[in-house]
PDB file of N, CA and C in Angstrom:
ATOM      1  N   VAL A   1     -21.620   1.950  -4.943  1.00  0.00           N
ATOM      2  CA  VAL A   1     -20.218   1.680  -4.591  1.00  0.00           C
ATOM      3  C   VAL A   1     -19.339   2.144  -5.735  1.00  0.00           C
ATOM      4  N   ASP A   2     -18.405   3.030  -5.425  1.00  0.00           N
ATOM      5  CA  ASP A   2     -17.509   3.541  -6.455  1.00  0.00           C
ATOM      6  C   ASP A   2     -16.176   2.820  -6.379  1.00  0.00           C
ATOM      7  N   HIS A   3     -15.547   2.711  -7.527  1.00  0.00           N
ATOM      8  CA  HIS A   3     -14.231   2.095  -7.569  1.00  0.00           C
ATOM      9  C   HIS A   3     -13.200   3.110  -7.092  1.00  0.00           C
ATOM     10  N   PRO A   4     -12.156   2.656  -6.415  1.00  0.00           N
ATOM     11  CA  PRO A   4     -11.150   3.612  -5.921  1.00  0.00           C
ATOM     12  C   PRO A   4     -10.468   4.415  -7.017  1.00  0.00           C
ATOM     13  N   HIS A   5     -10.370   3.845  -8.244  1.00  0.00           N
ATOM     14  CA  HIS A   5      -9.786   4.648  -9.317  1.00  0.00           C
ATOM     15  C   HIS A   5     -10.708   5.798  -9.675  1.00  0.00           C
ATOM     16  N   GLY A   6     -11.975   5.602  -9.468  1.00  0.00           N
ATOM     17  CA  GLY A   6     -12.914   6.702  -9.414  1.00  0.00           C
ATOM     18  C   GLY A   6     -13.226   7.335 -10.751  1.00  0.00           C
ATOM     19  N   GLY A   7     -14.032   8.363 -10.697  1.00  0.00           N
ATOM     20  CA  GLY A   7     -14.400   9.083 -11.907  1.00  0.00           C
ATOM     21  C   GLY A   7     -13.577  10.333 -12.055  1.00  0.00           C
ATOM     22  N   GLY A   8     -13.793  11.294 -11.204  1.00  0.00           N
ATOM     23  CA  GLY A   8     -13.079  12.556 -11.324  1.00  0.00           C
ATOM     24  C   GLY A   8     -13.765  13.460 -12.325  1.00  0.00           C
ATOM     25  N   GLU A   9     -13.280  14.663 -12.421  1.00  0.00           N
ATOM     26  CA  GLU A   9     -13.865  15.634 -13.349  1.00  0.00           C
ATOM     27  C   GLU A   9     -13.053  15.620 -14.634  1.00  0.00           C
ATOM     28  N   GLY A  10     -13.717  15.323 -15.735  1.00  0.00           N
ATOM     29  CA  GLY A  10     -13.042  15.359 -17.019  1.00  0.00           C
ATOM     30  C   GLY A  10     -12.052  14.229 -17.157  1.00  0.00           C
ATOM     31  N   ARG A  11     -10.926  14.513 -17.802  1.00  0.00           N
ATOM     32  CA  ARG A  11      -9.970  13.457 -18.064  1.00  0.00           C
ATOM     33  C   ARG A  11      -8.945  13.418 -16.953  1.00  0.00           C
ATOM     34  N   THR A  12      -9.212  12.639 -15.984  1.00  0.00           N
ATOM     35  CA  THR A  12      -8.227  12.393 -14.935  1.00  0.00           C
ATOM     36  C   THR A  12      -8.244  10.921 -14.621  1.00  0.00           C
ATOM     37  N   SER A  13      -7.087  10.337 -14.490  1.00  0.00           N
ATOM     38  CA  SER A  13      -7.018   8.921 -14.184  1.00  0.00           C
ATOM     39  C   SER A  13      -5.679   8.669 -13.533  1.00  0.00           C
ATOM     40  N   GLY A  14      -5.525   7.484 -12.985  1.00  0.00           N
ATOM     41  CA  GLY A  14      -4.269   7.144 -12.348  1.00  0.00           C
ATOM     42  C   GLY A  14      -4.069   7.946 -11.086  1.00  0.00           C
ATOM     43  N   GLY A  15      -2.819   8.224 -10.795  1.00  0.00           N
ATOM     44  CA  GLY A  15      -2.517   8.921  -9.563  1.00  0.00           C
ATOM     45  C   GLY A  15      -2.550   8.009  -8.364  1.00  0.00           C
ATOM     46  N   ARG A  16      -2.817   6.746  -8.589  1.00  0.00           N
ATOM     47  CA  ARG A  16      -2.922   5.801  -7.490  1.00  0.00           C
ATOM     48  C   ARG A  16      -2.452   4.453  -8.004  1.00  0.00           C
ATOM     49  N   HIS A  17      -1.956   3.613  -7.098  1.00  0.00           N
ATOM     50  CA  HIS A  17      -1.566   2.280  -7.508  1.00  0.00           C
ATOM     51  C   HIS A  17      -2.806   1.514  -7.940  1.00  0.00           C
ATOM     52  N   PRO A  18      -2.636   0.530  -8.802  1.00  0.00           N
ATOM     53  CA  PRO A  18      -3.802  -0.253  -9.213  1.00  0.00           C
ATOM     54  C   PRO A  18      -4.407  -0.959  -8.008  1.00  0.00           C
ATOM     55  N   VAL A  19      -5.698  -0.782  -7.812  1.00  0.00           N
ATOM     56  CA  VAL A  19      -6.349  -1.369  -6.654  1.00  0.00           C
ATOM     57  C   VAL A  19      -7.605  -2.097  -7.102  1.00  0.00           C
ATOM     58  N   THR A  20      -8.035  -3.025  -6.273  1.00  0.00           N
ATOM     59  CA  THR A  20      -9.296  -3.710  -6.486  1.00  0.00           C
ATOM     60  C   THR A  20     -10.428  -2.769  -6.100  1.00  0.00           C
ATOM     61  N   PRO A  21     -11.662  -3.118  -6.388  1.00  0.00           N
ATOM     62  CA  PRO A  21     -12.763  -2.248  -5.943  1.00  0.00           C
ATOM     63  C   PRO A  21     -12.847  -2.085  -4.443  1.00  0.00           C
ATOM     64  N   TRP A  22     -12.143  -2.902  -3.681  1.00  0.00           N
ATOM     65  CA  TRP A  22     -12.178  -2.781  -2.223  1.00  0.00           C
ATOM     66  C   TRP A  22     -10.960  -2.051  -1.685  1.00  0.00           C
ATOM     67  N   GLY A  23     -10.128  -1.528  -2.569  1.00  0.00           N
ATOM     68  CA  GLY A  23      -8.993  -0.734  -2.135  1.00  0.00           C
ATOM     69  C   GLY A  23      -7.748  -1.536  -1.847  1.00  0.00           C
ATOM     70  N   LYS A  24      -7.774  -2.841  -2.063  1.00  0.00           N
ATOM     71  CA  LYS A  24      -6.571  -3.636  -1.879  1.00  0.00           C
ATOM     72  C   LYS A  24      -5.685  -3.487  -3.109  1.00  0.00           C
ATOM     73  N   PRO A  25      -4.372  -3.421  -2.925  1.00  0.00           N
ATOM     74  CA  PRO A  25      -3.490  -3.300  -4.087  1.00  0.00           C
ATOM     75  C   PRO A  25      -3.569  -4.550  -4.959  1.00  0.00           C
ATOM     76  N   THR A  26      -3.380  -4.368  -6.242  1.00  0.00           N
ATOM     77  CA  THR A  26      -3.443  -5.483  -7.173  1.00  0.00           C
ATOM     78  C   THR A  26      -2.343  -5.302  -8.213  1.00  0.00           C
ATOM     79  N   LYS A  27      -2.329  -6.114  -9.216  1.00  0.00           N
ATOM     80  CA  LYS A  27      -1.374  -6.045 -10.318  1.00  0.00           C
ATOM     81  C   LYS A  27       0.057  -6.162  -9.801  1.00  0.00           C
ATOM     82  N   GLY A  28       0.368  -7.232  -9.118  1.00  0.00           N
ATOM     83  CA  GLY A  28       1.741  -7.505  -8.733  1.00  0.00           C
ATOM     84  C   GLY A  28       2.164  -6.925  -7.410  1.00  0.00           C
ATOM     85  N   LYS A  29       1.312  -6.154  -6.759  1.00  0.00           N
ATOM     86  CA  LYS A  29       1.670  -5.626  -5.442  1.00  0.00           C
ATOM     87  C   LYS A  29       1.624  -6.756  -4.429  1.00  0.00           C
ATOM     88  N   ARG A  30       2.668  -6.825  -3.608  1.00  0.00           N
ATOM     89  CA  ARG A  30       2.673  -7.871  -2.596  1.00  0.00           C
ATOM     90  C   ARG A  30       1.725  -7.483  -1.469  1.00  0.00           C
ATOM     91  N   THR A  31       0.842  -8.395  -1.104  1.00  0.00           N
ATOM     92  CA  THR A  31      -0.137  -8.099  -0.068  1.00  0.00           C
ATOM     93  C   THR A  31       0.052  -8.975   1.155  1.00  0.00           C
ATOM     94  N   ARG A  32       0.970  -9.930   1.095  1.00  0.00           N
ATOM     95  CA  ARG A  32       1.189 -10.802   2.240  1.00  0.00           C
ATOM     96  C   ARG A  32       2.451 -10.358   2.958  1.00  0.00           C
ATOM     97  N   SER A  33       2.401 -10.385   4.275  1.00  0.00           N
ATOM     98  CA  SER A  33       3.578 -10.003   5.036  1.00  0.00           C
ATOM     99  C   SER A  33       4.582 -11.144   5.009  1.00  0.00           C
ATOM    100  N   ASN A  34       5.863 -10.790   5.064  1.00  0.00           N
ATOM    101  CA  ASN A  34       6.927 -11.776   5.019  1.00  0.00           C
ATOM    102  C   ASN A  34       7.192 -12.241   6.437  1.00  0.00           C
ATOM    103  N   LYS A  35       6.682 -13.423   6.773  1.00  0.00           N
ATOM    104  CA  LYS A  35       6.762 -13.879   8.153  1.00  0.00           C
ATOM    105  C   LYS A  35       8.130 -14.449   8.501  1.00  0.00           C
ATOM    106  N   SER A  36       8.989 -14.691   7.482  1.00  0.00           N
ATOM    107  CA  SER A  36      10.222 -15.397   7.769  1.00  0.00           C
ATOM    108  C   SER A  36      11.322 -14.476   8.245  1.00  0.00           C
ATOM    109  N   THR A  37      11.170 -13.163   8.093  1.00  0.00           N
ATOM    110  CA  THR A  37      12.279 -12.292   8.442  1.00  0.00           C
ATOM    111  C   THR A  37      12.032 -11.494   9.705  1.00  0.00           C
ATOM    112  N   ASP A  38      10.793 -11.467  10.213  1.00  0.00           N
ATOM    113  CA  ASP A  38      10.558 -10.576  11.337  1.00  0.00           C
ATOM    114  C   ASP A  38      11.095 -11.144  12.637  1.00  0.00           C
ATOM    115  N   ARG A  39      11.605 -12.376  12.632  1.00  0.00           N
ATOM    116  CA  ARG A  39      12.205 -12.884  13.860  1.00  0.00           C
ATOM    117  C   ARG A  39      13.585 -12.282  14.087  1.00  0.00           C
ATOM    118  N   PHE A  40      14.198 -11.733  13.031  1.00  0.00           N
ATOM    119  CA  PHE A  40      15.529 -11.175  13.162  1.00  0.00           C
ATOM    120  C   PHE A  40      15.499  -9.704  13.524  1.00  0.00           C
ATOM    121  N   ILE A  41      14.346  -9.077  13.433  1.00  0.00           N
ATOM    122  CA  ILE A  41      14.267  -7.651  13.713  1.00  0.00           C
ATOM    123  C   ILE A  41      14.150  -7.464  15.216  1.00  0.00           C
ATOM    124  N   VAL A  42      15.227  -6.988  15.824  1.00  0.00           N
ATOM    125  CA  VAL A  42      15.218  -6.780  17.260  1.00  0.00           C
ATOM    126  C   VAL A  42      14.648  -5.414  17.565  1.00  0.00           C
ATOM    127  N   ARG A  43      15.104  -4.387  16.843  1.00  0.00           N
ATOM    128  CA  ARG A  43      14.608  -3.034  17.053  1.00  0.00           C
ATOM    129  C   ARG A  43      14.514  -2.362  15.698  1.00  0.00           C
ATOM    130  N   SER A  44      13.432  -1.673  15.482  1.00  0.00           N
ATOM    131  CA  SER A  44      13.247  -0.999  14.206  1.00  0.00           C
ATOM    132  C   SER A  44      14.247   0.133  14.069  1.00  0.00           C
ATOM    133  N   ARG A  45      14.745   0.336  12.839  1.00  0.00           N
ATOM    134  CA  ARG A  45      15.682   1.431  12.627  1.00  0.00           C
ATOM    135  C   ARG A  45      15.000   2.778  12.749  1.00  0.00           C
ATOM    136  N   HIS A  46      13.680   2.793  12.691  1.00  0.00           N
ATOM    137  CA  HIS A  46      12.974   4.063  12.613  1.00  0.00           C
ATOM    138  C   HIS A  46      12.381   4.483  13.947  1.00  0.00           C
ATOM    139  N   GLU A  47      12.552   3.670  14.991  1.00  0.00           N
ATOM    140  CA  GLU A  47      11.920   4.058  16.245  1.00  0.00           C
ATOM    141  C   GLU A  47      12.822   4.923  17.108  1.00  0.00           C
ATOM    142  N   ARG A  48      14.074   5.175  16.647  1.00  0.00           N
ATOM    143  CA  ARG A  48      14.935   6.075  17.409  1.00  0.00           C
ATOM    144  C   ARG A  48      14.449   7.501  17.228  1.00  0.00           C
ATOM    145  N   LYS A  49      14.337   8.193  18.323  1.00  0.00           N
ATOM    146  CA  LYS A  49      13.872   9.576  18.265  1.00  0.00           C
ATOM    147  C   LYS A  49      15.058  10.517  18.478  1.00  0.00           C
ATOM    148  N   LYS A  50      15.004  11.682  17.867  1.00  0.00           N
ATOM    149  CA  LYS A  50      16.059  12.670  18.080  1.00  0.00           C
ATOM    150  C   LYS A  50      15.889  13.305  19.450  1.00  0.00           C
ATOM    151  N   GLY A  51      17.015  13.597  20.108  1.00  0.00           N
ATOM    152  CA  GLY A  51      16.962  14.207  21.421  1.00  0.00           C
ATOM    153  C   GLY A  51      17.086  13.171  22.504  1.00  0.00           C
TER     154      GLY A  51
END
């Protein structure tokens, strides 16, 4: 099992957010959804299509 930060060839590191060995974000990244605000979202701003 390899860590998501991985090895790479030579000196390469980073390029990715800090993650646990299972690929979940860590180090201050919010991983829980905010359940208190989704009752106010009637329609997503991004679901409108052009045309």
